[in-house]
Amino acid sequence: MPGIITTVNVNGVRAATGKGLLEWLAATDADVVCLQETRATDAQTRSALALDGWHLANAEPGAKGRAGVAILSRPEPSAVRIGFGSVEFDGSGRYVEADFDGLTVASVYVPSGDVGTPRQDEKYRFLDELGAHLAARAGAMVVAGDWNIAHTERDLKGWKANRKSSGFLPEERAWIDKVLAGGWVDVVRALHPDADGPYSWWSYRGRAYDNDTGWRIDALFTTPDIARFAESARVERAATYAERWSDHAPVTVGFSALPGITDSRTASALAGTS
């Protein structure tokens, strides 16, 4: 059976549910939805999402109003882990992973950074520790989220004006190079090798959305054994500015099969017919 994984930065889960997130969840065919920047406690997230038909793996923000990541899944995960063994970052609400009997799915929210400030130093420390974690991982895995890095010139429309901006710095782009060289696959780029974008974030300022002046910073990185199943990738861009429920749009990848995810769904369907 085919499977679908979506990632989206909701820019505040409680605000997003009042703008259309719940309607989107009710309509999506995704088996797993990775959320970033929930900006809510576990109780607030559960209350906002209602969770009809979904299981929630959640990492609360470490600071009020910042970060927070979660994984919504139709099958129940067999295990959930918050963080990647970091003394500094495990309590910040920036990384959570869930096991599904043969597949691990993680939701990540990389700090945004700000050149010349401690925030950029924090971002580099996070990337160093996350990179070590990814390099050490074994087994089938999908890491989906807001990476806050546009990897190449194809990944942001205004790349010339942003060559010295956080999110497009040479050191940040080199970090992506290293992750990919280690065997991970950016499946959206693999499926759209020559496209500009597809962009997933647009500033609320000016006419960035209407002009598609965006950044591709939301992505799914997979191990090679999962990448070979990736068949389609799309950004679920709202038809108009007014219909947006976040400054990011959902990034959705369809797979011909997903171990643990589609297996669980098949088993549930068979149980229902017995």
C-alpha atoms as a PDB file:
ATOM      1  CA  MET A   1       0.000   0.000   0.000  1.00  0.00           C
ATOM      2  CA  PRO A   2       1.198   3.538  -0.668  1.00  0.00           C
ATOM      3  CA  GLY A   3       1.944   5.892   2.217  1.00  0.00           C
ATOM      4  CA  ILE A   4       2.073   9.659   2.687  1.00  0.00           C
ATOM      5  CA  ILE A   5       4.118  11.854   5.030  1.00  0.00           C
ATOM      6  CA  THR A   6       3.565  15.607   5.364  1.00  0.00           C
ATOM      7  CA  THR A   7       5.593  18.205   7.213  1.00  0.00           C
ATOM      8  CA  VAL A   8       4.432  21.718   8.065  1.00  0.00           C
ATOM      9  CA  ASN A   9       5.473  24.555  10.353  1.00  0.00           C
ATOM     10  CA  VAL A  10       2.118  25.661  11.784  1.00  0.00           C
ATOM     11  CA  ASN A  11       3.379  28.988  13.195  1.00  0.00           C
ATOM     12  CA  GLY A  12       1.440  28.415  16.432  1.00  0.00           C
ATOM     13  CA  VAL A  13      -0.893  25.428  16.583  1.00  0.00           C
ATOM     14  CA  ARG A  14      -3.681  27.241  18.421  1.00  0.00           C
ATOM     15  CA  ALA A  15      -3.692  30.110  15.927  1.00  0.00           C
ATOM     16  CA  ALA A  16      -3.527  27.726  12.966  1.00  0.00           C
ATOM     17  CA  THR A  17      -6.518  25.681  14.100  1.00  0.00           C
ATOM     18  CA  GLY A  18      -8.610  28.843  14.001  1.00  0.00           C
ATOM     19  CA  LYS A  19      -7.493  29.608  10.442  1.00  0.00           C
ATOM     20  CA  GLY A  20      -7.944  26.259   8.702  1.00  0.00           C
ATOM     21  CA  LEU A  21      -5.538  23.643  10.102  1.00  0.00           C
ATOM     22  CA  LEU A  22      -8.361  21.462  11.433  1.00  0.00           C
ATOM     23  CA  GLU A  23     -10.105  21.488   8.074  1.00  0.00           C
ATOM     24  CA  TRP A  24      -6.840  20.572   6.380  1.00  0.00           C
ATOM     25  CA  LEU A  25      -6.274  17.679   8.822  1.00  0.00           C
ATOM     26  CA  ALA A  26      -9.797  16.411   8.212  1.00  0.00           C
ATOM     27  CA  ALA A  27      -9.175  16.350   4.461  1.00  0.00           C
ATOM     28  CA  THR A  28      -5.594  15.070   4.253  1.00  0.00           C
ATOM     29  CA  ASP A  29      -4.737  11.530   3.198  1.00  0.00           C
ATOM     30  CA  ALA A  30      -1.419  11.682   5.076  1.00  0.00           C
ATOM     31  CA  ASP A  31      -0.520   8.794   7.355  1.00  0.00           C
ATOM     32  CA  VAL A  32       1.962  10.925   9.317  1.00  0.00           C
ATOM     33  CA  VAL A  33       2.039  14.703   9.767  1.00  0.00           C
ATOM     34  CA  CYS A  34       5.127  16.312  11.309  1.00  0.00           C
ATOM     35  CA  LEU A  35       4.428  19.680  12.940  1.00  0.00           C
ATOM     36  CA  GLN A  36       6.876  22.406  13.909  1.00  0.00           C
ATOM     37  CA  GLU A  37       6.587  25.608  15.912  1.00  0.00           C
ATOM     38  CA  THR A  38       3.507  24.490  17.817  1.00  0.00           C
ATOM     39  CA  ARG A  39       4.248  27.077  20.546  1.00  0.00           C
ATOM     40  CA  ALA A  40       2.004  25.171  22.963  1.00  0.00           C
ATOM     41  CA  THR A  41       2.116  22.796  25.900  1.00  0.00           C
ATOM     42  CA  ASP A  42       1.125  19.177  25.456  1.00  0.00           C
ATOM     43  CA  ALA A  43      -2.303  19.826  26.934  1.00  0.00           C
ATOM     44  CA  GLN A  44      -2.846  22.894  24.746  1.00  0.00           C
ATOM     45  CA  THR A  45      -1.781  20.999  21.629  1.00  0.00           C
ATOM     46  CA  ARG A  46      -4.100  18.073  22.354  1.00  0.00           C
ATOM     47  CA  SER A  47      -6.992  20.412  23.051  1.00  0.00           C
ATOM     48  CA  ALA A  48      -6.417  22.481  19.905  1.00  0.00           C
ATOM     49  CA  LEU A  49      -6.104  19.523  17.541  1.00  0.00           C
ATOM     50  CA  ALA A  50      -8.987  17.440  18.955  1.00  0.00           C
ATOM     51  CA  LEU A  51      -7.018  14.375  17.672  1.00  0.00           C
ATOM     52  CA  ASP A  52      -9.906  12.409  16.223  1.00  0.00           C
ATOM     53  CA  GLY A  53      -8.226   9.435  14.530  1.00  0.00           C
ATOM     54  CA  TRP A  54      -4.692  10.635  15.271  1.00  0.00           C
ATOM     55  CA  HIS A  55      -2.000   9.641  17.757  1.00  0.00           C
ATOM     56  CA  LEU A  56       0.244  12.442  19.061  1.00  0.00           C
ATOM     57  CA  ALA A  57       3.948  12.332  19.865  1.00  0.00           C
ATOM     58  CA  ASN A  58       4.818  15.741  21.246  1.00  0.00           C
ATOM     59  CA  ALA A  59       7.833  17.721  22.423  1.00  0.00           C
ATOM     60  CA  GLU A  60       6.752  20.828  24.294  1.00  0.00           C
ATOM     61  CA  PRO A  61       8.602  24.146  23.885  1.00  0.00           C
ATOM     62  CA  GLY A  62      11.312  24.848  26.403  1.00  0.00           C
ATOM     63  CA  ALA A  63      10.414  28.538  26.400  1.00  0.00           C
ATOM     64  CA  LYS A  64       6.886  29.920  26.236  1.00  0.00           C
ATOM     65  CA  GLY A  65       5.865  30.917  22.724  1.00  0.00           C
ATOM     66  CA  ARG A  66       8.895  29.377  21.003  1.00  0.00           C
ATOM     67  CA  ALA A  67       9.475  26.119  19.109  1.00  0.00           C
ATOM     68  CA  GLY A  68       7.566  22.938  19.939  1.00  0.00           C
ATOM     69  CA  VAL A  69       7.428  19.946  17.576  1.00  0.00           C
ATOM     70  CA  ALA A  70       5.017  17.053  17.203  1.00  0.00           C
ATOM     71  CA  ILE A  71       4.180  14.003  15.114  1.00  0.00           C
ATOM     72  CA  LEU A  72       0.585  13.117  14.287  1.00  0.00           C
ATOM     73  CA  SER A  73       0.156   9.554  13.045  1.00  0.00           C
ATOM     74  CA  ARG A  74      -2.737   7.292  12.178  1.00  0.00           C
ATOM     75  CA  PRO A  75      -0.919   4.153  13.394  1.00  0.00           C
ATOM     76  CA  GLU A  76       0.179   4.237  17.021  1.00  0.00           C
ATOM     77  CA  PRO A  77       3.962   4.481  17.431  1.00  0.00           C
ATOM     78  CA  SER A  78       5.691   1.681  19.312  1.00  0.00           C
ATOM     79  CA  ALA A  79       8.128   4.120  20.928  1.00  0.00           C
ATOM     80  CA  VAL A  80       8.658   7.888  21.190  1.00  0.00           C
ATOM     81  CA  ARG A  81      11.865   9.757  22.004  1.00  0.00           C
ATOM     82  CA  ILE A  82      12.285  13.473  22.637  1.00  0.00           C
ATOM     83  CA  GLY A  83      15.606  14.997  21.660  1.00  0.00           C
ATOM     84  CA  PHE A  84      18.818  13.389  20.434  1.00  0.00           C
ATOM     85  CA  GLY A  85      20.873  13.194  23.606  1.00  0.00           C
ATOM     86  CA  SER A  86      21.728  16.888  23.865  1.00  0.00           C
ATOM     87  CA  VAL A  87      22.124  18.535  27.254  1.00  0.00           C
ATOM     88  CA  GLU A  88      21.442  21.939  25.695  1.00  0.00           C
ATOM     89  CA  PHE A  89      18.619  21.177  23.274  1.00  0.00           C
ATOM     90  CA  ASP A  90      16.622  18.142  24.385  1.00  0.00           C
ATOM     91  CA  GLY A  91      14.316  20.291  26.494  1.00  0.00           C
ATOM     92  CA  SER A  92      13.829  22.985  23.857  1.00  0.00           C
ATOM     93  CA  GLY A  93      11.041  21.349  21.851  1.00  0.00           C
ATOM     94  CA  ARG A  94      12.988  21.078  18.626  1.00  0.00           C
ATOM     95  CA  TYR A  95      13.206  17.334  17.969  1.00  0.00           C
ATOM     96  CA  VAL A  96      10.964  14.310  18.497  1.00  0.00           C
ATOM     97  CA  GLU A  97      11.025  10.891  16.865  1.00  0.00           C
ATOM     98  CA  ALA A  98       8.595   7.984  16.776  1.00  0.00           C
ATOM     99  CA  ASP A  99       9.069   4.324  15.822  1.00  0.00           C
ATOM    100  CA  PHE A 100       6.622   2.437  13.621  1.00  0.00           C
ATOM    101  CA  ASP A 101       7.897  -1.164  13.514  1.00  0.00           C
ATOM    102  CA  GLY A 102      10.623  -0.838  10.916  1.00  0.00           C
ATOM    103  CA  LEU A 103      10.588   2.931  10.353  1.00  0.00           C
ATOM    104  CA  THR A 104      11.500   5.911  12.506  1.00  0.00           C
ATOM    105  CA  VAL A 105       9.956   9.298  11.717  1.00  0.00           C
ATOM    106  CA  ALA A 106      11.327  12.495  13.281  1.00  0.00           C
ATOM    107  CA  SER A 107      10.041  16.066  13.344  1.00  0.00           C
ATOM    108  CA  VAL A 108      12.730  18.748  13.609  1.00  0.00           C
ATOM    109  CA  TYR A 109      12.707  22.525  13.964  1.00  0.00           C
ATOM    110  CA  VAL A 110      16.169  24.029  13.436  1.00  0.00           C
ATOM    111  CA  PRO A 111      16.736  27.440  15.091  1.00  0.00           C
ATOM    112  CA  SER A 112      16.337  30.329  12.676  1.00  0.00           C
ATOM    113  CA  GLY A 113      19.558  32.109  13.572  1.00  0.00           C
ATOM    114  CA  ASP A 114      20.570  35.739  13.125  1.00  0.00           C
ATOM    115  CA  VAL A 115      23.964  36.675  11.697  1.00  0.00           C
ATOM    116  CA  GLY A 116      26.373  38.216  14.192  1.00  0.00           C
ATOM    117  CA  THR A 117      24.287  37.342  17.258  1.00  0.00           C
ATOM    118  CA  PRO A 118      24.218  34.517  19.839  1.00  0.00           C
ATOM    119  CA  ARG A 119      21.190  33.099  17.992  1.00  0.00           C
ATOM    120  CA  GLN A 120      23.423  32.163  15.057  1.00  0.00           C
ATOM    121  CA  ASP A 121      25.907  30.516  17.418  1.00  0.00           C
ATOM    122  CA  GLU A 122      23.003  28.550  18.913  1.00  0.00           C
ATOM    123  CA  LYS A 123      21.972  27.436  15.443  1.00  0.00           C
ATOM    124  CA  TYR A 124      25.456  26.143  14.669  1.00  0.00           C
ATOM    125  CA  ARG A 125      25.604  24.234  17.965  1.00  0.00           C
ATOM    126  CA  PHE A 126      22.235  22.653  17.209  1.00  0.00           C
ATOM    127  CA  LEU A 127      23.342  21.684  13.703  1.00  0.00           C
ATOM    128  CA  ASP A 128      26.574  20.153  15.020  1.00  0.00           C
ATOM    129  CA  GLU A 129      24.716  17.936  17.478  1.00  0.00           C
ATOM    130  CA  LEU A 130      21.912  17.053  15.072  1.00  0.00           C
ATOM    131  CA  GLY A 131      24.441  16.188  12.365  1.00  0.00           C
ATOM    132  CA  ALA A 132      26.254  13.816  14.703  1.00  0.00           C
ATOM    133  CA  HIS A 133      22.943  12.174  15.599  1.00  0.00           C
ATOM    134  CA  LEU A 134      21.987  11.674  11.945  1.00  0.00           C
ATOM    135  CA  ALA A 135      25.415  10.298  11.087  1.00  0.00           C
ATOM    136  CA  ALA A 136      25.162   7.742  13.888  1.00  0.00           C
ATOM    137  CA  ARG A 137      21.645   6.529  13.086  1.00  0.00           C
ATOM    138  CA  ALA A 138      21.029   3.110  11.591  1.00  0.00           C
ATOM    139  CA  GLY A 139      17.864   1.737  10.059  1.00  0.00           C
ATOM    140  CA  ALA A 140      15.075   3.176   7.943  1.00  0.00           C
ATOM    141  CA  MET A 141      14.281   6.779   8.857  1.00  0.00           C
ATOM    142  CA  VAL A 142      12.536   9.965   7.723  1.00  0.00           C
ATOM    143  CA  VAL A 143      13.497  13.289   9.293  1.00  0.00           C
ATOM    144  CA  ALA A 144      10.985  15.947   8.305  1.00  0.00           C
ATOM    145  CA  GLY A 145      10.731  19.536   9.330  1.00  0.00           C
ATOM    146  CA  ASP A 146      11.687  23.170   9.092  1.00  0.00           C
ATOM    147  CA  TRP A 147      15.447  23.159   8.561  1.00  0.00           C
ATOM    148  CA  ASN A 148      15.711  26.949   8.250  1.00  0.00           C
ATOM    149  CA  ILE A 149      18.316  26.494   5.514  1.00  0.00           C
ATOM    150  CA  ALA A 150      17.877  26.973   1.766  1.00  0.00           C
ATOM    151  CA  HIS A 151      20.433  24.574   0.361  1.00  0.00           C
ATOM    152  CA  THR A 152      21.040  25.933  -3.139  1.00  0.00           C
ATOM    153  CA  GLU A 153      20.201  28.924  -5.310  1.00  0.00           C
ATOM    154  CA  ARG A 154      17.167  26.986  -6.564  1.00  0.00           C
ATOM    155  CA  ASP A 155      15.781  26.935  -3.020  1.00  0.00           C
ATOM    156  CA  LEU A 156      15.017  30.638  -2.625  1.00  0.00           C
ATOM    157  CA  LYS A 157      13.897  33.169  -5.165  1.00  0.00           C
ATOM    158  CA  GLY A 158      15.921  36.087  -3.783  1.00  0.00           C
ATOM    159  CA  TRP A 159      19.190  34.231  -3.306  1.00  0.00           C
ATOM    160  CA  LYS A 160      21.406  37.091  -4.536  1.00  0.00           C
ATOM    161  CA  ALA A 161      20.077  39.440  -1.855  1.00  0.00           C
ATOM    162  CA  ASN A 162      20.398  36.778   0.865  1.00  0.00           C
ATOM    163  CA  ARG A 163      23.973  35.594   0.415  1.00  0.00           C
ATOM    164  CA  LYS A 164      24.875  37.020   3.835  1.00  0.00           C
ATOM    165  CA  SER A 165      21.595  36.148   5.554  1.00  0.00           C
ATOM    166  CA  SER A 166      21.014  33.384   8.051  1.00  0.00           C
ATOM    167  CA  GLY A 167      19.402  30.517   6.217  1.00  0.00           C
ATOM    168  CA  PHE A 168      21.631  30.859   3.154  1.00  0.00           C
ATOM    169  CA  LEU A 169      25.091  31.200   4.639  1.00  0.00           C
ATOM    170  CA  PRO A 170      27.920  29.102   3.150  1.00  0.00           C
ATOM    171  CA  GLU A 171      28.453  27.311   6.484  1.00  0.00           C
ATOM    172  CA  GLU A 172      24.773  26.349   6.705  1.00  0.00           C
ATOM    173  CA  ARG A 173      24.638  25.140   3.121  1.00  0.00           C
ATOM    174  CA  ALA A 174      27.824  23.136   3.677  1.00  0.00           C
ATOM    175  CA  TRP A 175      26.114  21.417   6.602  1.00  0.00           C
ATOM    176  CA  ILE A 176      23.384  20.198   4.233  1.00  0.00           C
ATOM    177  CA  ASP A 177      26.102  19.062   1.810  1.00  0.00           C
ATOM    178  CA  LYS A 178      27.652  16.962   4.578  1.00  0.00           C
ATOM    179  CA  VAL A 179      24.339  15.387   5.566  1.00  0.00           C
ATOM    180  CA  LEU A 180      23.623  14.408   1.968  1.00  0.00           C
ATOM    181  CA  ALA A 181      27.170  13.132   1.473  1.00  0.00           C
ATOM    182  CA  GLY A 182      26.543  10.872   4.473  1.00  0.00           C
ATOM    183  CA  GLY A 183      23.814   9.075   2.543  1.00  0.00           C
ATOM    184  CA  TRP A 184      20.670  11.003   3.414  1.00  0.00           C
ATOM    185  CA  VAL A 185      18.351  11.973   0.551  1.00  0.00           C
ATOM    186  CA  ASP A 186      16.392  15.221   0.181  1.00  0.00           C
ATOM    187  CA  VAL A 187      13.460  13.451  -1.478  1.00  0.00           C
ATOM    188  CA  VAL A 188      11.636  16.610  -2.617  1.00  0.00           C
ATOM    189  CA  ARG A 189      14.728  17.813  -4.470  1.00  0.00           C
ATOM    190  CA  ALA A 190      15.363  14.287  -5.810  1.00  0.00           C
ATOM    191  CA  LEU A 191      11.869  14.307  -7.325  1.00  0.00           C
ATOM    192  CA  HIS A 192      12.195  17.898  -8.618  1.00  0.00           C
ATOM    193  CA  PRO A 193      15.889  18.061  -9.558  1.00  0.00           C
ATOM    194  CA  ASP A 194      15.722  21.069 -11.874  1.00  0.00           C
ATOM    195  CA  ALA A 195      12.866  23.099 -10.393  1.00  0.00           C
ATOM    196  CA  ASP A 196      13.064  26.468  -8.682  1.00  0.00           C
ATOM    197  CA  GLY A 197      11.633  25.600  -5.282  1.00  0.00           C
ATOM    198  CA  PRO A 198       9.028  24.338  -4.830  1.00  0.00           C
ATOM    199  CA  TYR A 199       9.001  27.017  -2.132  1.00  0.00           C
ATOM    200  CA  SER A 200       7.361  26.282   1.217  1.00  0.00           C
ATOM    201  CA  TRP A 201       7.735  29.549   3.184  1.00  0.00           C
ATOM    202  CA  TRP A 202       6.825  33.115   2.236  1.00  0.00           C
ATOM    203  CA  SER A 203       7.086  36.239   4.341  1.00  0.00           C
ATOM    204  CA  TYR A 204       3.833  37.826   5.433  1.00  0.00           C
ATOM    205  CA  ARG A 205       5.327  41.161   4.417  1.00  0.00           C
ATOM    206  CA  GLY A 206       4.717  42.806   1.071  1.00  0.00           C
ATOM    207  CA  ARG A 207       3.543  40.671  -1.825  1.00  0.00           C
ATOM    208  CA  ALA A 208       5.948  37.783  -1.281  1.00  0.00           C
ATOM    209  CA  TYR A 209       3.195  35.175  -1.467  1.00  0.00           C
ATOM    210  CA  ASP A 210       1.470  36.612  -4.509  1.00  0.00           C
ATOM    211  CA  ASN A 211       4.823  36.887  -6.323  1.00  0.00           C
ATOM    212  CA  ASP A 212       5.999  33.458  -5.088  1.00  0.00           C
ATOM    213  CA  THR A 213       9.092  35.060  -3.560  1.00  0.00           C
ATOM    214  CA  GLY A 214       9.684  32.151  -1.241  1.00  0.00           C
ATOM    215  CA  TRP A 215      12.200  29.842   0.384  1.00  0.00           C
ATOM    216  CA  ARG A 216      12.339  26.048   0.293  1.00  0.00           C
ATOM    217  CA  ILE A 217      13.298  25.387   3.907  1.00  0.00           C
ATOM    218  CA  ASP A 218      10.808  22.649   4.776  1.00  0.00           C
ATOM    219  CA  ALA A 219      12.018  19.235   3.661  1.00  0.00           C
ATOM    220  CA  LEU A 220      11.987  15.489   4.222  1.00  0.00           C
ATOM    221  CA  PHE A 221      15.372  13.810   4.469  1.00  0.00           C
ATOM    222  CA  THR A 222      15.285  10.017   4.293  1.00  0.00           C
ATOM    223  CA  THR A 223      17.675   7.115   4.405  1.00  0.00           C
ATOM    224  CA  PRO A 224      18.317   5.589   0.955  1.00  0.00           C
ATOM    225  CA  ASP A 225      16.173   2.520   1.643  1.00  0.00           C
ATOM    226  CA  ILE A 226      13.142   4.802   2.094  1.00  0.00           C
ATOM    227  CA  ALA A 227      14.065   7.292  -0.658  1.00  0.00           C
ATOM    228  CA  ARG A 228      13.694   4.592  -3.301  1.00  0.00           C
ATOM    229  CA  PHE A 229       9.976   4.404  -2.492  1.00  0.00           C
ATOM    230  CA  ALA A 230       9.360   8.159  -2.925  1.00  0.00           C
ATOM    231  CA  GLU A 231       7.058   8.700  -5.896  1.00  0.00           C
ATOM    232  CA  SER A 232       5.639  12.216  -5.607  1.00  0.00           C
ATOM    233  CA  ALA A 233       6.295  15.467  -3.775  1.00  0.00           C
ATOM    234  CA  ARG A 234       4.232  18.623  -3.654  1.00  0.00           C
ATOM    235  CA  VAL A 235       3.804  21.817  -1.677  1.00  0.00           C
ATOM    236  CA  GLU A 236       0.171  22.307  -0.691  1.00  0.00           C
ATOM    237  CA  ARG A 237       0.143  26.011  -1.436  1.00  0.00           C
ATOM    238  CA  ALA A 238      -3.085  27.830  -0.595  1.00  0.00           C
ATOM    239  CA  ALA A 239      -4.890  29.306  -3.584  1.00  0.00           C
ATOM    240  CA  THR A 240      -4.789  32.826  -2.120  1.00  0.00           C
ATOM    241  CA  TYR A 241      -2.986  34.797   0.571  1.00  0.00           C
ATOM    242  CA  ALA A 242      -6.214  35.011   2.570  1.00  0.00           C
ATOM    243  CA  GLU A 243      -6.575  31.216   2.716  1.00  0.00           C
ATOM    244  CA  ARG A 244      -3.213  30.616   4.404  1.00  0.00           C
ATOM    245  CA  TRP A 245      -3.254  29.219   7.928  1.00  0.00           C
ATOM    246  CA  SER A 246       0.525  29.548   8.377  1.00  0.00           C
ATOM    247  CA  ASP A 247       3.386  31.387   6.712  1.00  0.00           C
ATOM    248  CA  HIS A 248       4.563  27.887   5.684  1.00  0.00           C
ATOM    249  CA  ALA A 249       2.692  25.454   3.450  1.00  0.00           C
ATOM    250  CA  PRO A 250       2.499  21.676   3.979  1.00  0.00           C
ATOM    251  CA  VAL A 251       5.130  19.679   2.100  1.00  0.00           C
ATOM    252  CA  THR A 252       3.762  16.262   1.208  1.00  0.00           C
ATOM    253  CA  VAL A 253       5.611  13.215  -0.131  1.00  0.00           C
ATOM    254  CA  GLY A 254       3.913  10.094  -1.439  1.00  0.00           C
ATOM    255  CA  PHE A 255       5.699   6.745  -1.142  1.00  0.00           C
ATOM    256  CA  SER A 256       4.871   3.491  -2.908  1.00  0.00           C
ATOM    257  CA  ALA A 257       5.390   1.796   0.458  1.00  0.00           C
ATOM    258  CA  LEU A 258       6.398   2.771   3.996  1.00  0.00           C
ATOM    259  CA  PRO A 259       7.497  -0.023   6.323  1.00  0.00           C
ATOM    260  CA  GLY A 260       5.730   0.170   9.648  1.00  0.00           C
ATOM    261  CA  ILE A 261       3.240   2.778   8.428  1.00  0.00           C
ATOM    262  CA  THR A 262       1.486   1.021   5.557  1.00  0.00           C
ATOM    263  CA  ASP A 263       1.986  -2.362   7.227  1.00  0.00           C
ATOM    264  CA  SER A 264       0.124  -1.103  10.297  1.00  0.00           C
ATOM    265  CA  ARG A 265      -2.653   0.363   8.167  1.00  0.00           C
ATOM    266  CA  THR A 266      -3.067  -2.924   6.274  1.00  0.00           C
ATOM    267  CA  ALA A 267      -3.192  -4.892   9.518  1.00  0.00           C
ATOM    268  CA  SER A 268      -5.833  -2.547  10.938  1.00  0.00           C
ATOM    269  CA  ALA A 269      -7.945  -2.872   7.793  1.00  0.00           C
ATOM    270  CA  LEU A 270      -7.712  -6.659   7.863  1.00  0.00           C
ATOM    271  CA  ALA A 271      -8.652  -6.714  11.554  1.00  0.00           C
ATOM    272  CA  GLY A 272     -11.722  -4.644  10.784  1.00  0.00           C
ATOM    273  CA  THR A 273     -12.942  -7.218   8.246  1.00  0.00           C
ATOM    274  CA  SER A 274     -12.388 -10.295  10.388  1.00  0.00           C
END
